Structure formats: C-alpha cells, structure tokens
Protein backbone atom coordinates (compact mmCIF):
# COMPACT_ATOMS: atom_id res chain seq x y z
CA MET A 1 68.58 18.72 -77.12
CA ARG A 2 64.87 19.14 -77.77
CA TYR A 3 64.26 15.39 -77.34
CA PHE A 4 66.43 15.38 -74.20
CA LEU A 5 64.37 18.18 -72.58
CA LEU A 6 61.13 16.44 -73.58
CA THR A 7 62.36 13.23 -71.97
CA ILE A 8 63.26 15.07 -68.74
CA LEU A 9 59.81 16.70 -68.61
CA LEU A 10 58.07 13.33 -69.14
CA MET A 11 60.15 11.72 -66.39
CA ALA A 12 59.32 14.60 -63.99
CA ALA A 13 55.62 14.34 -64.78
CA THR A 14 55.71 10.59 -64.15
CA LEU A 15 57.50 11.05 -60.82
CA LEU A 16 55.02 13.73 -59.74
CA GLU A 17 52.08 11.50 -60.68
CA ALA A 18 53.57 8.57 -58.79
CA SER A 19 54.21 10.78 -55.76
CA ALA A 20 50.65 12.08 -55.86
CA ALA A 21 49.32 8.53 -56.17
CA THR A 22 51.45 7.41 -53.21
CA THR A 23 50.30 10.36 -51.13
CA ALA A 24 46.66 9.69 -52.05
CA GLY A 25 47.13 6.01 -51.18
CA MET A 26 48.61 6.94 -47.82
CA GLU A 27 45.73 9.36 -47.18
CA ASP A 28 43.20 6.67 -48.14
CA GLU A 29 45.00 4.23 -45.85
CA ASP A 30 44.94 6.78 -43.03
CA LYS A 31 41.24 7.40 -43.62
CA GLN A 32 40.57 3.65 -43.58
CA THR A 33 42.55 3.30 -40.37
CA ALA A 34 40.67 6.20 -38.75
CA SER A 35 37.35 4.82 -39.99
CA GLY A 36 38.24 1.41 -38.61
CA GLN A 37 39.15 2.91 -35.26
CA GLN A 38 35.87 4.83 -35.18
CA SER A 39 33.96 1.65 -36.03
CA ASP A 40 35.76 -0.25 -33.28
CA MET A 41 35.00 2.53 -30.83
CA ALA A 42 31.33 2.62 -31.89
CA ALA A 43 31.12 -1.17 -31.50
CA LEU A 44 32.70 -0.93 -28.04
CA ILE A 45 30.31 1.85 -26.97
CA ALA A 46 27.35 -0.15 -28.31
CA LYS A 47 28.31 -3.06 -26.04
CA LEU A 48 28.48 -0.91 -22.91
CA PRO A 49 25.41 -0.78 -20.60
CA LYS A 50 23.02 2.09 -21.21
CA ILE A 51 23.13 4.42 -18.20
CA SER A 52 20.02 6.42 -17.34
CA GLY A 53 18.18 7.69 -14.30
CA TYR A 54 16.27 10.54 -12.75
CA LEU A 55 16.13 12.90 -9.80
CA GLN A 56 12.87 13.89 -8.09
CA THR A 57 13.23 16.86 -5.80
CA GLY A 58 11.10 19.73 -4.53
CA TRP A 59 9.05 20.97 -1.59
CA ASN A 60 6.57 19.22 0.69
CA TYR A 61 4.13 20.83 3.15
CA SER A 62 1.81 18.77 5.35
CA THR A 63 -0.32 19.24 8.46
CA ALA A 64 -0.31 15.51 9.25
CA GLY A 65 1.08 14.67 12.67
CA GLU A 66 3.06 17.61 14.00
CA GLY A 67 3.26 19.07 10.50
CA THR A 68 6.19 19.62 8.18
CA SER A 69 7.50 22.09 5.62
CA SER A 70 10.66 20.87 3.95
CA PHE A 71 12.64 20.75 0.76
CA GLN A 72 13.06 17.12 -0.26
CA ALA A 73 15.42 15.04 -2.33
CA LYS A 74 12.69 12.49 -2.75
CA ARG A 75 14.29 10.04 -5.16
CA LEU A 76 17.49 9.55 -7.10
CA ARG A 77 17.51 6.51 -9.38
CA LEU A 78 20.52 5.22 -11.31
CA ILE A 79 19.77 2.56 -13.93
CA ALA A 80 22.08 0.40 -16.05
CA ASP A 81 20.55 -1.68 -18.88
CA GLY A 82 22.81 -4.01 -20.82
CA THR A 83 22.74 -6.81 -23.36
CA VAL A 84 24.75 -9.98 -22.79
CA THR A 85 23.50 -11.70 -25.98
CA PRO A 86 20.76 -10.70 -28.44
CA LYS A 87 18.26 -12.60 -26.26
CA LEU A 88 19.76 -12.04 -22.79
CA ALA A 89 19.53 -8.63 -21.09
CA PHE A 90 20.14 -7.39 -17.56
CA ARG A 91 19.13 -4.42 -15.42
CA LEU A 92 20.68 -2.85 -12.34
CA GLN A 93 18.77 -0.09 -10.54
CA ILE A 94 19.96 1.71 -7.43
CA GLU A 95 17.94 4.25 -5.47
CA ALA A 96 19.23 6.94 -3.16
CA PHE A 97 17.09 9.33 -1.10
CA ASN A 98 14.21 6.85 -1.01
CA GLY A 99 11.37 8.23 1.07
CA ILE A 100 9.65 5.09 2.36
CA PRO A 101 9.23 5.05 6.16
CA GLY A 102 11.05 2.15 7.80
CA SER A 103 13.99 2.29 5.41
CA LEU A 104 15.98 5.01 7.14
CA THR A 105 19.41 4.73 8.71
CA PRO A 106 19.61 4.67 12.55
CA ASN A 107 20.15 8.45 12.60
CA GLY A 108 17.10 9.10 10.41
CA GLN A 109 18.78 9.71 7.05
CA LYS A 110 17.45 8.32 3.81
CA ASN A 111 19.69 5.59 2.54
CA LEU A 112 20.91 3.73 -0.56
CA GLN A 113 19.11 0.61 -1.79
CA VAL A 114 19.61 -1.90 -4.61
CA MET A 115 16.16 -1.95 -6.18
CA ASP A 116 16.63 -4.19 -9.23
CA ALA A 117 19.33 -6.67 -10.15
CA PHE A 118 17.98 -9.16 -12.66
CA ALA A 119 18.57 -10.83 -16.01
CA THR A 120 15.84 -11.57 -18.58
CA TYR A 121 16.08 -14.19 -21.34
CA THR A 122 13.60 -13.75 -24.20
CA PHE A 123 12.91 -17.03 -25.99
CA ASN A 124 10.17 -15.19 -27.91
CA PRO A 125 7.62 -12.48 -27.01
CA ALA A 126 5.27 -15.14 -25.62
CA PHE A 127 7.82 -16.67 -23.22
CA LYS A 128 10.47 -14.85 -21.19
CA VAL A 129 12.33 -15.88 -18.05
CA ARG A 130 13.58 -13.41 -15.43
CA ALA A 131 15.88 -14.23 -12.51
CA GLY A 132 17.34 -12.12 -9.72
CA GLN A 133 15.83 -9.32 -7.64
CA TYR A 134 12.89 -7.77 -9.49
CA TYR A 135 9.64 -5.86 -8.95
CA LEU A 136 6.66 -8.13 -8.26
CA PRO A 137 3.74 -8.07 -10.74
CA LEU A 138 1.19 -7.05 -8.08
CA GLY A 139 -1.13 -4.36 -9.39
CA TYR A 140 -0.42 -1.58 -11.87
CA GLU A 141 1.53 0.92 -9.79
CA ASN A 142 4.23 -1.51 -8.63
CA TYR A 143 4.78 -3.28 -11.96
CA ASP A 144 3.55 -1.24 -14.93
CA ILE A 145 4.38 2.21 -13.54
CA SER A 146 7.53 3.73 -12.02
CA PRO A 147 8.00 7.00 -10.10
CA ALA A 148 9.23 8.47 -13.40
CA THR A 149 5.93 7.66 -15.17
CA LEU A 150 3.49 8.02 -12.25
CA GLU A 151 0.95 10.78 -12.79
CA THR A 152 1.07 11.96 -9.15
CA VAL A 153 4.03 12.58 -6.84
CA ASP A 154 3.24 9.61 -4.58
CA PHE A 155 1.71 6.18 -5.12
CA SER A 156 -1.52 5.05 -3.53
CA ASN A 157 -1.54 3.09 -0.27
CA ILE A 158 -2.30 -0.05 -2.26
CA VAL A 159 1.40 0.04 -3.10
CA TYR A 160 2.80 1.37 0.17
CA ARG A 161 0.67 -0.80 2.49
CA MET A 162 -0.16 -3.91 0.46
CA VAL A 163 2.64 -4.49 -2.02
CA CYS A 164 5.65 -3.07 -0.18
CA ARG A 165 5.00 -4.94 3.06
CA ASN A 166 6.86 -8.19 2.65
CA PRO A 167 5.58 -11.43 4.24
CA TYR A 168 9.04 -11.86 5.80
CA GLU A 169 7.86 -9.79 8.74
CA TYR A 170 4.72 -7.74 9.28
CA ASN A 171 5.26 -4.06 8.46
CA PHE A 172 8.77 -4.46 7.01
CA VAL A 173 9.34 -2.42 3.83
CA ASP A 174 10.58 -4.29 0.75
CA TYR A 175 9.97 -1.73 -2.06
CA GLY A 176 7.77 -4.28 -3.87
CA ARG A 177 10.88 -6.30 -4.75
CA ASP A 178 11.95 -9.88 -4.06
CA LEU A 179 14.54 -12.47 -5.10
CA GLY A 180 13.27 -15.24 -7.34
CA VAL A 181 12.39 -16.47 -10.83
CA MET A 182 9.54 -15.25 -13.02
CA ILE A 183 8.10 -16.31 -16.36
CA MET A 184 6.10 -13.84 -18.44
CA GLY A 185 4.92 -13.19 -21.97
CA ASP A 186 2.67 -11.33 -24.38
CA LEU A 187 0.11 -13.19 -26.50
CA PHE A 188 -2.30 -12.51 -29.35
CA PRO A 189 -0.80 -9.39 -31.01
CA SER A 190 -3.29 -7.06 -32.67
CA GLN A 191 -2.97 -5.19 -35.95
CA GLU A 192 -2.91 -1.93 -33.98
CA GLY A 193 0.38 -2.81 -32.28
CA PHE A 194 -0.72 -4.05 -28.84
CA ASN A 195 -1.08 -7.55 -27.35
CA HIS A 196 -4.48 -8.73 -26.20
CA LEU A 197 -3.11 -10.80 -23.30
CA SER A 198 -0.07 -10.68 -20.99
CA TYR A 199 0.80 -12.99 -18.10
CA ASP A 200 3.31 -13.06 -15.23
CA LEU A 201 4.09 -15.87 -12.78
CA SER A 202 6.66 -15.24 -10.05
CA VAL A 203 8.17 -17.63 -7.47
CA SER A 204 10.27 -15.77 -4.90
CA ASN A 205 11.69 -15.96 -1.38
CA GLY A 206 9.10 -13.87 0.40
CA SER A 207 11.98 -12.26 2.26
CA LEU A 208 13.50 -8.81 2.24
CA PRO A 209 15.54 -7.65 -0.77
CA MET A 210 19.17 -8.80 -0.69
CA LYS A 211 18.32 -11.29 2.09
CA ASP A 212 18.02 -15.09 2.15
CA ASP A 213 14.69 -16.77 2.84
CA PRO A 214 14.15 -17.32 6.60
CA ASN A 215 11.76 -20.24 6.00
CA LYS A 216 11.40 -23.02 3.42
CA SER A 217 8.24 -21.84 1.69
CA LYS A 218 8.16 -19.56 -1.33
CA ASP A 219 5.89 -16.70 -2.36
CA ILE A 220 3.81 -17.05 -5.53
CA VAL A 221 2.47 -14.04 -7.46
CA ALA A 222 0.37 -14.44 -10.61
CA ALA A 223 -1.04 -11.71 -12.85
CA ILE A 224 -3.14 -11.60 -16.01
CA THR A 225 -3.67 -8.46 -18.14
CA VAL A 226 -6.33 -8.37 -20.85
CA ARG A 227 -6.51 -5.62 -23.50
CA PRO A 228 -9.86 -5.86 -25.31
CA ILE A 229 -9.42 -2.59 -27.23
CA LYS A 230 -6.77 0.03 -27.81
CA PHE A 231 -5.94 2.19 -24.73
CA LEU A 232 -7.88 -0.11 -22.33
CA ASN A 233 -6.60 -2.96 -20.19
CA ILE A 234 -7.94 -4.94 -17.24
CA LYS A 235 -5.62 -6.62 -14.73
CA ALA A 236 -6.01 -9.20 -11.96
CA SER A 237 -3.11 -10.17 -9.68
CA HIS A 238 -2.83 -12.36 -6.60
CA GLY A 239 0.00 -13.05 -4.20
CA TRP A 240 0.24 -15.92 -1.72
CA GLY A 241 2.99 -16.29 0.84
CA GLU A 242 3.98 -17.52 4.27
CA TYR A 243 5.81 -15.07 6.47
CA THR A 244 7.86 -15.32 9.66
CA HIS A 245 6.36 -13.59 12.68
CA THR A 246 7.54 -12.93 16.22
CA GLU A 247 4.89 -13.90 18.77
CA VAL A 248 4.63 -13.80 22.56
CA ASP A 249 3.39 -16.77 24.64
CA GLU A 250 1.32 -16.65 27.82
CA ASP A 251 4.47 -16.29 29.94
CA GLY A 252 5.67 -13.27 27.97
CA ASN A 253 8.40 -15.16 26.11
CA GLU A 254 9.02 -14.33 22.44
CA TYR A 255 9.23 -17.08 19.83
CA ARG A 256 9.42 -17.25 16.05
CA SER A 257 6.42 -18.52 14.12
CA LEU A 258 7.75 -19.45 10.67
CA TYR A 259 4.70 -20.20 8.53
CA ASN A 260 1.88 -17.65 8.64
CA THR A 261 -0.30 -17.23 5.57
CA MET A 262 -0.65 -13.83 3.91
CA ASN A 263 -2.77 -13.21 0.79
CA ARG A 264 -2.85 -10.09 -1.38
CA THR A 265 -5.25 -9.54 -4.29
CA ILE A 266 -5.43 -6.46 -6.53
CA LEU A 267 -7.94 -5.91 -9.36
CA GLY A 268 -7.86 -2.94 -11.70
CA ALA A 269 -8.75 -1.28 -15.00
CA TRP A 270 -6.83 1.39 -16.91
CA TYR A 271 -7.74 3.55 -19.90
CA ASN A 272 -5.07 5.89 -21.26
CA ASP A 273 -5.42 7.85 -24.49
CA PRO A 274 -2.15 9.85 -24.85
CA ASP A 275 -4.15 12.59 -26.60
CA GLY A 276 -7.28 12.45 -24.48
CA ILE A 277 -8.91 10.83 -21.44
CA PHE A 278 -6.85 9.07 -18.81
CA ALA A 279 -8.51 6.99 -16.04
CA ARG A 280 -7.37 4.18 -13.73
CA THR A 281 -8.85 2.37 -10.75
CA GLU A 282 -7.66 -0.42 -8.46
CA TYR A 283 -9.16 -2.32 -5.55
CA GLY A 284 -7.03 -4.49 -3.30
CA PHE A 285 -7.17 -6.42 -0.06
CA LEU A 286 -4.60 -8.01 2.22
CA LYS A 287 -5.47 -10.75 4.71
CA GLY A 288 -3.43 -12.69 7.23
CA GLU A 289 -3.84 -15.92 9.09
CA ASP A 290 -6.15 -15.86 12.15
CA LYS A 291 -7.13 -12.28 11.25
CA MET A 292 -3.70 -10.99 12.24
CA PHE A 293 -4.36 -8.28 9.66
CA ASP A 294 -7.25 -7.48 7.37
CA GLU A 295 -6.90 -4.43 5.14
CA ARG A 296 -8.43 -3.14 1.94
CA GLY A 297 -7.82 -0.18 -0.31
CA PHE A 298 -9.33 1.51 -3.34
CA TYR A 299 -8.51 4.44 -5.61
CA VAL A 300 -9.76 6.02 -8.80
CA ILE A 301 -7.83 8.66 -10.73
CA ALA A 302 -8.91 10.54 -13.86
CA GLY A 303 -7.49 13.30 -16.01
CA TYR A 304 -7.04 14.58 -19.54
CA ASN A 305 -3.84 14.56 -21.62
CA ILE A 306 -3.42 17.95 -23.31
CA GLN A 307 -0.81 18.46 -26.05
CA ALA A 308 0.24 22.11 -26.38
CA LYS A 309 3.03 23.97 -28.20
CA CYS A 310 4.83 24.63 -24.91
CA GLY A 311 4.59 21.00 -23.74
CA LYS A 312 2.20 18.43 -22.27
CA PHE A 313 -0.34 19.09 -19.52
CA LEU A 314 -2.17 16.54 -17.39
CA PRO A 315 -4.75 17.96 -14.96
CA MET A 316 -6.17 15.23 -12.72
CA VAL A 317 -8.18 14.33 -9.64
CA ARG A 318 -7.84 11.24 -7.44
CA TYR A 319 -9.93 9.74 -4.68
CA ASP A 320 -8.53 6.94 -2.55
CA ARG A 321 -9.62 5.13 0.56
CA TYR A 322 -7.88 2.76 2.92
CA GLU A 323 -9.26 0.69 5.78
CA ASP A 324 -7.45 -1.35 8.43
CA LYS A 325 -10.11 -3.60 10.00
CA VAL A 326 -7.75 -4.78 12.77
CA LEU A 327 -6.03 -1.52 13.80
CA GLN A 328 -9.06 0.71 13.36
CA THR A 329 -7.53 3.67 15.19
CA SER A 330 -4.39 3.95 13.03
CA VAL A 331 -3.72 6.80 10.56
CA ASN A 332 -4.17 4.26 7.73
CA ASN A 333 -7.96 4.59 8.04
CA TYR A 334 -8.86 7.52 5.81
CA ASP A 335 -10.51 8.93 2.69
CA ARG A 336 -8.33 11.25 0.61
CA ILE A 337 -8.92 13.62 -2.29
CA LEU A 338 -6.12 14.85 -4.57
CA ALA A 339 -6.10 17.60 -7.19
CA GLY A 340 -3.01 17.82 -9.34
CA LEU A 341 -1.34 19.18 -12.45
CA THR A 342 1.64 17.74 -14.28
CA PHE A 343 3.45 19.90 -16.83
CA GLN A 344 6.05 18.36 -19.14
CA PRO A 345 7.77 21.05 -21.24
CA PHE A 346 10.46 18.62 -22.43
CA PRO A 347 10.62 14.81 -22.62
CA ASN A 348 13.18 14.71 -19.78
CA LEU A 349 11.50 17.20 -17.43
CA LYS A 350 8.26 16.99 -15.45
CA ILE A 351 6.90 19.55 -12.95
CA GLN A 352 4.19 18.24 -10.61
CA LEU A 353 1.90 20.16 -8.27
CA ASN A 354 -0.33 18.07 -5.96
CA TYR A 355 -2.79 19.13 -3.27
CA GLN A 356 -4.35 16.51 -1.00
CA HIS A 357 -6.91 16.59 1.77
CA GLY A 358 -7.34 13.51 3.94
CA PHE A 359 -10.27 12.62 6.23
CA TYR A 360 -9.64 10.14 9.04
CA SER A 361 -12.32 7.61 9.98
CA ASP A 362 -14.29 8.38 13.15
CA LYS A 363 -12.38 5.90 15.33
CA ALA A 364 -9.02 7.03 13.95
CA ALA A 365 -9.92 10.71 14.40
CA ASP A 366 -10.90 10.13 18.03
CA ALA A 367 -7.60 8.35 18.72
CA ILE A 368 -5.42 10.83 16.79
CA GLY A 369 -7.21 13.95 17.94
CA LYS A 370 -7.51 15.35 14.40
CA ASP A 371 -10.18 14.98 11.74
CA GLY A 372 -7.73 15.04 8.84
CA TYR A 373 -4.82 16.80 7.21
CA ASP A 374 -3.73 18.84 4.19
CA GLN A 375 -0.67 18.36 2.00
CA VAL A 376 0.94 20.35 -0.82
CA GLN A 377 3.76 18.95 -2.97
CA LEU A 378 5.70 20.78 -5.68
CA MET A 379 8.22 18.50 -7.34
CA GLY A 380 10.48 18.50 -10.38
CA LEU A 381 11.50 15.23 -12.00
CA PHE A 382 14.68 15.43 -14.09
CA LYS A 383 15.59 12.48 -16.34
CA PHE A 384 18.92 11.77 -17.99
C-alpha cells in the first residue's frame, strides 16, 4: 500500500509539472505572438510618412493704407515627410491661410496651396537630385529659413518682391516655388560638424506652381554657400529666366510676348551663435528686359540668443530698404525699422512681438499722401 501511494504521488507530481510546462510554453508562445505583432506594428508605423506642421496666429495692427486691426490666422502648414527607400525621400507640404497678396479667392478669402511636392535621391552627401515642385535656392529666407524658423513674423521684401514674383507674369505670386529638377550637395566636411561648401543648381519651368510652362525656355537658379568658420556662412545666388508678358501695341491691341529676360541676384552673409550673437544681411536686385522693372532691396538684422530657465529669448532689431526705380511712387519705396522679441518657452511654441515703422520715399509719400506707417504684430507659432 505504501509503495502504491508513493507511485500515485509521483504520477500526480509528474502530471502537474507537465501541465505547468505546457502552460508556461503556451504563455511564452502568446508572448512571442504579441511581441511579433508589436514588432510588425512598429515596422508598419516606421514606414508611414512623418506628419508635422504648425499654426501661426495672432493679432495685427497697422496704419498703412486705410489701417487695420485684426486677428489673423496667418499660416497653417501641414507637412508629410516619407522614405521610399533608404536613399529616396519625399515631402508634401500644404499651406492654408497663406497671407500673400494676390493669392486670395475671388471673394477675398485666404486659400489652400500646395507648396512642396518633391522627391530627393541622395547618392551621397556631395550629390543629391530633387524633382517636383520645390522652393528655389534664391537667398537665405526662401531656401534656408521657413516661417517656423524665421526670427521675425514676416519676411523681408527681398522674398516677397524678388523671389516670390515668378517670371511667368510680372507681379504674379508663386511662393518662391517652381516645378523642375535640382542638383545639390555638401562638400568639404569639417571636424566641427559643418560643411565648408554647399551648392544648388535648379532648372525649372519659370511658371506658376502646379502649372505647365507657357513658353519653351527654362529658368536657371544657381547658389553657392561658403562656411569659412563655425556659425558663419556667405551665400551668393542668381536666377535667370524668360517670362511671358502681356503688352499693348500702338492700336491698343493686347498681345503675348513670350520671351522677356528677368534676372535676380541675391548676396548675403549670416552669423548665428545659438548661445550668443545672431546677425544676417542680404542685398538683392531684380532687373527686366528694356528696363521693364528695376528693383533693389537690402536688410540687416541683429540680435542676441539668450538661454534662460524659463525658455529662449531673442531680442532683435532690423533695418530694411526697398527701391523700385521704375514705379517710384509705389508703396514699395521705403525704409523700415523693426524692433522685436521672440520668446520660446518650449521647443514647439514661439511667441513673437514685432513693432515696425516705415518711411516712404519722397516721391512715394507725395503720391500716397502719407510719410509712413506703423505696425504691431503679436503672433503665436504652435508646432506639432
């Protein structure tokens, strides 16, 4: 009897151990299945485009023209960045509430625009190819800076008047974008982590975004950026194009002139110590065939980056000047002084306060009936 009971106990212990082993195996299998599902989900999420963007909204007061005091939804950008292969990436950027004059709907509302839609193939850091609708490498503010990284609320007129006026038609707004192909690269890397030389060469339609070329010529934009030391770079960019223009003959009949030369050149220097002095300056000029237009602009901006426990501060001042040598009585002939403060309490939040005073040239003041204007902008920029 004793041996019989011992045998029964041994058999029970064996069965319990086997059951526990089976249960543990099933649990391990379930864990492996769950882990595999999580890995598959993580891999799927990693392949999806990265969605980001920002909203810039606030209040604007100005005495220019008849004057205005209004809350503004100045910009809303939605950006999708994705990877097709390890070397091939794409970007899609859409803007709503854009505030550029000339881009409004017929009833005066700000509209929706496709800003960027391009793919970039990186053979190596020294040679990349971009195709689609992209921002042209003219100057700093259009190419190296975005509204999300700009120190002030608005760009200088070098961007608004020189870069964003497409050769497709005089005074049309193109947001500094065009459809084409561009090669670019970074050369001579330094031990401090920056490249001593960068280049960009773009061949594009010279038409409006999302629109076919109305003539057979193409626009060419070339840019060279040199970085002799850390925090300092010097840039030269030039754009050549032929634009389509509507003219009127001696009998008052309109006709299309397809090939009219337009040249744009912008030179600049930029020093930016993230823990100290910030300064940038650019000079640009725009000239057309037979002196149809002849304009030049200049600005210098300086400030100091302050790192504090509550966030980052950037107090700054800017002086800019613009001159239209053909339309000398237009509001684009002015000198302007800006005083501003940008406060960034968090990486995804910026609060900007800008005050500007503009002085019209003598001829423009006589035609407008005002010597100048004042403007106050208080804007928040929210990134996600």
